[in-house]
């Protein structure tokens, strides 16, 4: 959604999730949503957090040799232990 969509809170404090949001977020009946009070947004609650977060910020690692990076980090840890 490029623009916010207004929803009305019922007398029972219920809201209807707009169709465009349901479609883009793949929200189905019975799904649970998280309410982030700090940022004031609603997010679908992932069924599996590990799967949901897999690949997050992969662009950070683009072009890096991850094995070499890990070896360098482990070397720094070992050096700090012997210190």
PDB file of N, CA and C in Angstrom:
ATOM      1  N   UNK A   1       0.846  -1.169   0.000  1.00  0.00           N
ATOM      2  CA  UNK A   1       0.000   0.000   0.000  1.00  0.00           C
ATOM      3  C   UNK A   1       0.887   1.226   0.000  1.00  0.00           C
ATOM      4  N   UNK A   2       0.759   2.014  -0.996  1.00  0.00           N
ATOM      5  CA  UNK A   2       1.580   3.214  -1.053  1.00  0.00           C
ATOM      6  C   UNK A   2       0.991   4.320  -0.192  1.00  0.00           C
ATOM      7  N   UNK A   3      -0.321   4.287   0.033  1.00  0.00           N
ATOM      8  CA  UNK A   3      -0.962   5.284   0.875  1.00  0.00           C
ATOM      9  C   UNK A   3      -1.696   4.573   2.005  1.00  0.00           C
ATOM     10  N   UNK A   4      -1.736   5.207   3.177  1.00  0.00           N
ATOM     11  CA  UNK A   4      -2.463   4.592   4.286  1.00  0.00           C
ATOM     12  C   UNK A   4      -3.946   4.432   3.950  1.00  0.00           C
ATOM     13  N   UNK A   5      -4.539   3.384   4.500  1.00  0.00           N
ATOM     14  CA  UNK A   5      -5.958   3.122   4.321  1.00  0.00           C
ATOM     15  C   UNK A   5      -6.616   3.255   5.692  1.00  0.00           C
ATOM     16  N   UNK A   6      -7.706   3.976   5.765  1.00  0.00           N
ATOM     17  CA  UNK A   6      -8.406   4.202   7.017  1.00  0.00           C
ATOM     18  C   UNK A   6      -9.326   3.033   7.337  1.00  0.00           C
ATOM     19  N   UNK A   7      -9.342   2.619   8.599  1.00  0.00           N
ATOM     20  CA  UNK A   7     -10.285   1.605   9.070  1.00  0.00           C
ATOM     21  C   UNK A   7     -10.992   2.164  10.295  1.00  0.00           C
ATOM     22  N   UNK A   8     -12.209   1.712  10.524  1.00  0.00           N
ATOM     23  CA  UNK A   8     -12.998   2.178  11.654  1.00  0.00           C
ATOM     24  C   UNK A   8     -12.993   1.125  12.753  1.00  0.00           C
ATOM     25  N   UNK A   9     -12.810   1.553  13.982  1.00  0.00           N
ATOM     26  CA  UNK A   9     -12.849   0.654  15.130  1.00  0.00           C
ATOM     27  C   UNK A   9     -14.300   0.551  15.585  1.00  0.00           C
ATOM     28  N   UNK A  10     -14.790  -0.678  15.702  1.00  0.00           N
ATOM     29  CA  UNK A  10     -16.181  -0.895  16.100  1.00  0.00           C
ATOM     30  C   UNK A  10     -16.360  -0.646  17.595  1.00  0.00           C
ATOM     31  N   UNK A  11     -17.592  -0.678  18.045  1.00  0.00           N
ATOM     32  CA  UNK A  11     -17.881  -0.489  19.470  1.00  0.00           C
ATOM     33  C   UNK A  11     -17.275  -1.605  20.320  1.00  0.00           C
ATOM     34  N   UNK A  12     -16.946  -2.736  19.672  1.00  0.00           N
ATOM     35  CA  UNK A  12     -16.289  -3.857  20.368  1.00  0.00           C
ATOM     36  C   UNK A  12     -14.782  -3.832  20.127  1.00  0.00           C
ATOM     37  N   UNK A  13     -14.253  -2.706  19.651  1.00  0.00           N
ATOM     38  CA  UNK A  13     -12.823  -2.496  19.389  1.00  0.00           C
ATOM     39  C   UNK A  13     -12.280  -3.440  18.325  1.00  0.00           C
ATOM     40  N   UNK A  14     -13.087  -3.776  17.359  1.00  0.00           N
ATOM     41  CA  UNK A  14     -12.667  -4.628  16.254  1.00  0.00           C
ATOM     42  C   UNK A  14     -12.455  -3.770  15.020  1.00  0.00           C
ATOM     43  N   UNK A  15     -11.552  -4.231  14.142  1.00  0.00           N
ATOM     44  CA  UNK A  15     -11.337  -3.568  12.854  1.00  0.00           C
ATOM     45  C   UNK A  15     -11.392  -4.616  11.757  1.00  0.00           C
ATOM     46  N   UNK A  16     -11.710  -4.170  10.556  1.00  0.00           N
ATOM     47  CA  UNK A  16     -11.641  -5.047   9.386  1.00  0.00           C
ATOM     48  C   UNK A  16     -10.357  -4.698   8.642  1.00  0.00           C
ATOM     49  N   UNK A  17      -9.573  -5.716   8.296  1.00  0.00           N
ATOM     50  CA  UNK A  17      -8.341  -5.491   7.546  1.00  0.00           C
ATOM     51  C   UNK A  17      -8.725  -5.269   6.085  1.00  0.00           C
ATOM     52  N   UNK A  18      -8.317  -4.136   5.505  1.00  0.00           N
ATOM     53  CA  UNK A  18      -8.691  -3.853   4.117  1.00  0.00           C
ATOM     54  C   UNK A  18      -8.206  -4.939   3.157  1.00  0.00           C
ATOM     55  N   UNK A  19      -8.980  -5.164   2.112  1.00  0.00           N
ATOM     56  CA  UNK A  19      -8.670  -6.209   1.131  1.00  0.00           C
ATOM     57  C   UNK A  19      -7.255  -6.070   0.574  1.00  0.00           C
ATOM     58  N   UNK A  20      -6.850  -4.843   0.236  1.00  0.00           N
ATOM     59  CA  UNK A  20      -5.517  -4.658  -0.348  1.00  0.00           C
ATOM     60  C   UNK A  20      -4.428  -5.114   0.624  1.00  0.00           C
ATOM     61  N   UNK A  21      -4.622  -4.864   1.912  1.00  0.00           N
ATOM     62  CA  UNK A  21      -3.649  -5.307   2.918  1.00  0.00           C
ATOM     63  C   UNK A  21      -3.670  -6.823   3.052  1.00  0.00           C
ATOM     64  N   UNK A  22      -4.877  -7.411   3.068  1.00  0.00           N
ATOM     65  CA  UNK A  22      -4.989  -8.883   3.172  1.00  0.00           C
ATOM     66  C   UNK A  22      -4.291  -9.558   2.009  1.00  0.00           C
ATOM     67  N   UNK A  23      -4.487  -9.026   0.807  1.00  0.00           N
ATOM     68  CA  UNK A  23      -3.883  -9.637  -0.380  1.00  0.00           C
ATOM     69  C   UNK A  23      -2.368  -9.488  -0.381  1.00  0.00           C
ATOM     70  N   UNK A  24      -1.879  -8.295  -0.102  1.00  0.00           N
ATOM     71  CA  UNK A  24      -0.424  -8.067  -0.152  1.00  0.00           C
ATOM     72  C   UNK A  24       0.320  -8.777   0.966  1.00  0.00           C
ATOM     73  N   UNK A  25      -0.311  -8.923   2.128  1.00  0.00           N
ATOM     74  CA  UNK A  25       0.330  -9.591   3.259  1.00  0.00           C
ATOM     75  C   UNK A  25      -0.054 -11.060   3.371  1.00  0.00           C
ATOM     76  N   UNK A  26      -0.900 -11.518   2.436  1.00  0.00           N
ATOM     77  CA  UNK A  26      -1.364 -12.911   2.420  1.00  0.00           C
ATOM     78  C   UNK A  26      -1.998 -13.300   3.758  1.00  0.00           C
ATOM     79  N   UNK A  27      -2.861 -12.422   4.266  1.00  0.00           N
ATOM     80  CA  UNK A  27      -3.558 -12.674   5.524  1.00  0.00           C
ATOM     81  C   UNK A  27      -4.817 -13.476   5.232  1.00  0.00           C
ATOM     82  N   UNK A  28      -4.971 -14.562   5.961  1.00  0.00           N
ATOM     83  CA  UNK A  28      -6.142 -15.433   5.809  1.00  0.00           C
ATOM     84  C   UNK A  28      -6.950 -15.426   7.102  1.00  0.00           C
ATOM     85  N   UNK A  29      -8.200 -15.836   7.005  1.00  0.00           N
ATOM     86  CA  UNK A  29      -9.056 -15.944   8.174  1.00  0.00           C
ATOM     87  C   UNK A  29      -8.403 -16.870   9.192  1.00  0.00           C
ATOM     88  N   UNK A  30      -8.368 -16.454  10.435  1.00  0.00           N
ATOM     89  CA  UNK A  30      -7.755 -17.256  11.496  1.00  0.00           C
ATOM     90  C   UNK A  30      -6.296 -16.920  11.743  1.00  0.00           C
ATOM     91  N   UNK A  31      -5.643 -16.166  10.829  1.00  0.00           N
ATOM     92  CA  UNK A  31      -4.258 -15.762  11.058  1.00  0.00           C
ATOM     93  C   UNK A  31      -4.194 -14.818  12.251  1.00  0.00           C
ATOM     94  N   UNK A  32      -3.058 -14.770  12.879  1.00  0.00           N
ATOM     95  CA  UNK A  32      -2.849 -13.861  14.004  1.00  0.00           C
ATOM     96  C   UNK A  32      -1.983 -12.698  13.525  1.00  0.00           C
ATOM     97  N   UNK A  33      -2.246 -11.513  14.057  1.00  0.00           N
ATOM     98  CA  UNK A  33      -1.466 -10.321  13.726  1.00  0.00           C
ATOM     99  C   UNK A  33      -0.774  -9.813  14.973  1.00  0.00           C
ATOM    100  N   UNK A  34       0.391  -9.234  14.784  1.00  0.00           N
ATOM    101  CA  UNK A  34       1.105  -8.594  15.884  1.00  0.00           C
ATOM    102  C   UNK A  34       0.802  -7.103  15.841  1.00  0.00           C
ATOM    103  N   UNK A  35       0.600  -6.496  16.983  1.00  0.00           N
ATOM    104  CA  UNK A  35       0.389  -5.058  17.063  1.00  0.00           C
ATOM    105  C   UNK A  35       1.643  -4.460  17.680  1.00  0.00           C
ATOM    106  N   UNK A  36       2.340  -3.632  16.915  1.00  0.00           N
ATOM    107  CA  UNK A  36       3.555  -2.982  17.380  1.00  0.00           C
ATOM    108  C   UNK A  36       3.172  -1.582  17.849  1.00  0.00           C
ATOM    109  N   UNK A  37       2.995  -1.420  19.137  1.00  0.00           N
ATOM    110  CA  UNK A  37       2.535  -0.158  19.706  1.00  0.00           C
ATOM    111  C   UNK A  37       3.536   0.961  19.438  1.00  0.00           C
ATOM    112  N   UNK A  38       4.826   0.680  19.534  1.00  0.00           N
ATOM    113  CA  UNK A  38       5.867   1.699  19.359  1.00  0.00           C
ATOM    114  C   UNK A  38       5.791   2.336  17.982  1.00  0.00           C
ATOM    115  N   UNK A  39       5.661   1.525  16.950  1.00  0.00           N
ATOM    116  CA  UNK A  39       5.628   2.057  15.589  1.00  0.00           C
ATOM    117  C   UNK A  39       4.211   2.237  15.068  1.00  0.00           C
ATOM    118  N   UNK A  40       3.233   1.750  15.810  1.00  0.00           N
ATOM    119  CA  UNK A  40       1.844   1.900  15.417  1.00  0.00           C
ATOM    120  C   UNK A  40       1.474   1.173  14.140  1.00  0.00           C
ATOM    121  N   UNK A  41       1.969  -0.054  13.974  1.00  0.00           N
ATOM    122  CA  UNK A  41       1.675  -0.815  12.761  1.00  0.00           C
ATOM    123  C   UNK A  41       1.183  -2.199  13.117  1.00  0.00           C
ATOM    124  N   UNK A  42       0.490  -2.832  12.186  1.00  0.00           N
ATOM    125  CA  UNK A  42       0.054  -4.219  12.331  1.00  0.00           C
ATOM    126  C   UNK A  42       0.858  -5.082  11.377  1.00  0.00           C
ATOM    127  N   UNK A  43       1.324  -6.223  11.857  1.00  0.00           N
ATOM    128  CA  UNK A  43       2.100  -7.145  11.027  1.00  0.00           C
ATOM    129  C   UNK A  43       1.550  -8.552  11.185  1.00  0.00           C
ATOM    130  N   UNK A  44       1.564  -9.351  10.113  1.00  0.00           N
ATOM    131  CA  UNK A  44       1.162 -10.742  10.278  1.00  0.00           C
ATOM    132  C   UNK A  44       2.149 -11.468  11.189  1.00  0.00           C
ATOM    133  N   UNK A  45       1.637 -12.295  12.081  1.00  0.00           N
ATOM    134  CA  UNK A  45       2.511 -13.076  12.946  1.00  0.00           C
ATOM    135  C   UNK A  45       2.998 -14.280  12.163  1.00  0.00           C
ATOM    136  N   UNK A  46       4.318 -14.428  12.007  1.00  0.00           N
ATOM    137  CA  UNK A  46       4.835 -15.565  11.233  1.00  0.00           C
ATOM    138  C   UNK A  46       4.511 -16.889  11.919  1.00  0.00           C
ATOM    139  N   UNK A  47       4.246 -17.889  11.111  1.00  0.00           N
ATOM    140  CA  UNK A  47       4.015 -19.223  11.659  1.00  0.00           C
ATOM    141  C   UNK A  47       5.340 -19.827  12.131  1.00  0.00           C
ATOM    142  N   UNK A  48       6.423 -19.469  11.465  1.00  0.00           N
ATOM    143  CA  UNK A  48       7.760 -19.965  11.809  1.00  0.00           C
ATOM    144  C   UNK A  48       8.740 -18.800  11.669  1.00  0.00           C
ATOM    145  N   UNK A  49       9.228 -18.295  12.790  1.00  0.00           N
ATOM    146  CA  UNK A  49      10.109 -17.125  12.761  1.00  0.00           C
ATOM    147  C   UNK A  49      11.410 -17.401  12.010  1.00  0.00           C
ATOM    148  N   UNK A  50      11.954 -18.598  12.130  1.00  0.00           N
ATOM    149  CA  UNK A  50      13.215 -18.915  11.448  1.00  0.00           C
ATOM    150  C   UNK A  50      13.038 -18.807   9.935  1.00  0.00           C
ATOM    151  N   UNK A  51      11.956 -19.358   9.423  1.00  0.00           N
ATOM    152  CA  UNK A  51      11.683 -19.287   7.989  1.00  0.00           C
ATOM    153  C   UNK A  51      11.401 -17.851   7.570  1.00  0.00           C
ATOM    154  N   UNK A  52      10.665 -17.137   8.398  1.00  0.00           N
ATOM    155  CA  UNK A  52      10.315 -15.746   8.091  1.00  0.00           C
ATOM    156  C   UNK A  52      11.553 -14.855   7.997  1.00  0.00           C
ATOM    157  N   UNK A  53      12.547 -15.100   8.857  1.00  0.00           N
ATOM    158  CA  UNK A  53      13.737 -14.258   8.900  1.00  0.00           C
ATOM    159  C   UNK A  53      14.852 -14.742   7.972  1.00  0.00           C
ATOM    160  N   UNK A  54      14.722 -15.943   7.422  1.00  0.00           N
ATOM    161  CA  UNK A  54      15.757 -16.493   6.547  1.00  0.00           C
ATOM    162  C   UNK A  54      15.988 -15.570   5.350  1.00  0.00           C
ATOM    163  N   UNK A  55      17.235 -15.223   5.132  1.00  0.00           N
ATOM    164  CA  UNK A  55      17.586 -14.393   3.985  1.00  0.00           C
ATOM    165  C   UNK A  55      17.423 -12.900   4.216  1.00  0.00           C
ATOM    166  N   UNK A  56      17.003 -12.511   5.416  1.00  0.00           N
ATOM    167  CA  UNK A  56      16.817 -11.093   5.717  1.00  0.00           C
ATOM    168  C   UNK A  56      18.149 -10.358   5.574  1.00  0.00           C
ATOM    169  N   UNK A  57      18.153  -9.283   4.882  1.00  0.00           N
ATOM    170  CA  UNK A  57      19.329  -8.438   4.630  1.00  0.00           C
ATOM    171  C   UNK A  57      20.454  -9.190   3.927  1.00  0.00           C
ATOM    172  N   UNK A  58      20.090 -10.059   3.012  1.00  0.00           N
ATOM    173  CA  UNK A  58      21.114 -10.833   2.301  1.00  0.00           C
ATOM    174  C   UNK A  58      22.032  -9.937   1.478  1.00  0.00           C
ATOM    175  N   UNK A  59      21.557  -8.740   1.130  1.00  0.00           N
ATOM    176  CA  UNK A  59      22.386  -7.825   0.344  1.00  0.00           C
ATOM    177  C   UNK A  59      23.645  -7.404   1.111  1.00  0.00           C
ATOM    178  N   UNK A  60      23.600  -7.471   2.441  1.00  0.00           N
ATOM    179  CA  UNK A  60      24.772  -7.133   3.252  1.00  0.00           C
ATOM    180  C   UNK A  60      25.924  -8.084   2.942  1.00  0.00           C
ATOM    181  N   UNK A  61      25.598  -9.325   2.638  1.00  0.00           N
ATOM    182  CA  UNK A  61      26.607 -10.356   2.428  1.00  0.00           C
ATOM    183  C   UNK A  61      26.964 -10.535   0.949  1.00  0.00           C
ATOM    184  N   UNK A  62      26.323  -9.807   0.059  1.00  0.00           N
ATOM    185  CA  UNK A  62      26.584  -9.954  -1.376  1.00  0.00           C
ATOM    186  C   UNK A  62      28.042  -9.622  -1.682  1.00  0.00           C
ATOM    187  N   UNK A  63      28.705 -10.499  -2.393  1.00  0.00           N
ATOM    188  CA  UNK A  63      30.089 -10.266  -2.800  1.00  0.00           C
ATOM    189  C   UNK A  63      31.121 -10.588  -1.737  1.00  0.00           C
ATOM    190  N   UNK A  64      30.711 -11.059  -0.571  1.00  0.00           N
ATOM    191  CA  UNK A  64      31.654 -11.405   0.488  1.00  0.00           C
ATOM    192  C   UNK A  64      31.867 -12.914   0.526  1.00  0.00           C
ATOM    193  N   UNK A  65      33.088 -13.302   0.824  1.00  0.00           N
ATOM    194  CA  UNK A  65      33.381 -14.712   1.060  1.00  0.00           C
ATOM    195  C   UNK A  65      33.049 -14.971   2.526  1.00  0.00           C
ATOM    196  N   UNK A  66      31.900 -15.552   2.790  1.00  0.00           N
ATOM    197  CA  UNK A  66      31.438 -15.710   4.169  1.00  0.00           C
ATOM    198  C   UNK A  66      32.330 -16.626   4.991  1.00  0.00           C
ATOM    199  N   UNK A  67      32.931 -17.626   4.358  1.00  0.00           N
ATOM    200  CA  UNK A  67      33.833 -18.522   5.083  1.00  0.00           C
ATOM    201  C   UNK A  67      35.057 -17.756   5.565  1.00  0.00           C
ATOM    202  N   UNK A  68      35.632 -16.932   4.709  1.00  0.00           N
ATOM    203  CA  UNK A  68      36.785 -16.121   5.097  1.00  0.00           C
ATOM    204  C   UNK A  68      36.401 -15.125   6.192  1.00  0.00           C
ATOM    205  N   UNK A  69      35.228 -14.553   6.075  1.00  0.00           N
ATOM    206  CA  UNK A  69      34.756 -13.598   7.082  1.00  0.00           C
ATOM    207  C   UNK A  69      34.645 -14.274   8.451  1.00  0.00           C
ATOM    208  N   UNK A  70      34.035 -15.471   8.480  1.00  0.00           N
ATOM    209  CA  UNK A  70      33.893 -16.190   9.744  1.00  0.00           C
ATOM    210  C   UNK A  70      35.244 -16.567  10.338  1.00  0.00           C
ATOM    211  N   UNK A  71      36.172 -16.991   9.502  1.00  0.00           N
ATOM    212  CA  UNK A  71      37.504 -17.333   9.997  1.00  0.00           C
ATOM    213  C   UNK A  71      38.196 -16.109  10.598  1.00  0.00           C
ATOM    214  N   UNK A  72      38.037 -14.957   9.959  1.00  0.00           N
ATOM    215  CA  UNK A  72      38.621 -13.714  10.469  1.00  0.00           C
ATOM    216  C   UNK A  72      38.007 -13.336  11.829  1.00  0.00           C
ATOM    217  N   UNK A  73      36.687 -13.463  11.932  1.00  0.00           N
ATOM    218  CA  UNK A  73      36.003 -13.151  13.195  1.00  0.00           C
ATOM    219  C   UNK A  73      36.444 -14.104  14.304  1.00  0.00           C
ATOM    220  N   UNK A  74      36.532 -15.392  13.993  1.00  0.00           N
ATOM    221  CA  UNK A  74      36.962 -16.365  14.994  1.00  0.00           C
ATOM    222  C   UNK A  74      38.394 -16.102  15.418  1.00  0.00           C
ATOM    223  N   UNK A  75      39.227 -15.693  14.481  1.00  0.00           N
ATOM    224  CA  UNK A  75      40.608 -15.335  14.816  1.00  0.00           C
ATOM    225  C   UNK A  75      40.655 -14.146  15.754  1.00  0.00           C
ATOM    226  N   UNK A  76      39.784 -13.165  15.547  1.00  0.00           N
ATOM    227  CA  UNK A  76      39.731 -12.005  16.435  1.00  0.00           C
ATOM    228  C   UNK A  76      39.268 -12.411  17.828  1.00  0.00           C
ATOM    229  N   UNK A  77      38.305 -13.342  17.899  1.00  0.00           N
ATOM    230  CA  UNK A  77      37.830 -13.809  19.209  1.00  0.00           C
ATOM    231  C   UNK A  77      38.971 -14.504  19.949  1.00  0.00           C
ATOM    232  N   UNK A  78      39.690 -15.383  19.240  1.00  0.00           N
ATOM    233  CA  UNK A  78      40.787 -16.115  19.874  1.00  0.00           C
ATOM    234  C   UNK A  78      41.883 -15.175  20.317  1.00  0.00           C
ATOM    235  N   UNK A  79      42.183 -14.165  19.528  1.00  0.00           N
ATOM    236  CA  UNK A  79      43.220 -13.192  19.888  1.00  0.00           C
ATOM    237  C   UNK A  79      42.815 -12.405  21.134  1.00  0.00           C
ATOM    238  N   UNK A  80      41.538 -12.090  21.254  1.00  0.00           N
ATOM    239  CA  UNK A  80      41.081 -11.315  22.426  1.00  0.00           C
ATOM    240  C   UNK A  80      41.099 -12.162  23.690  1.00  0.00           C
ATOM    241  N   UNK A  81      40.961 -13.479  23.554  1.00  0.00           N
ATOM    242  CA  UNK A  81      41.003 -14.363  24.707  1.00  0.00           C
ATOM    243  C   UNK A  81      42.403 -14.496  25.258  1.00  0.00           C
ATOM    244  N   UNK A  82      43.390 -14.479  24.375  1.00  0.00           N
ATOM    245  CA  UNK A  82      44.783 -14.658  24.817  1.00  0.00           C
ATOM    246  C   UNK A  82      45.412 -13.330  25.199  1.00  0.00           C
ATOM    247  N   UNK A  83      44.760 -12.259  24.840  1.00  0.00           N
ATOM    248  CA  UNK A  83      45.099 -11.004  25.077  1.00  0.00           C
ATOM    249  C   UNK A  83      45.924 -10.073  25.514  1.00  0.00           C
TER     250      UNK A  83
END
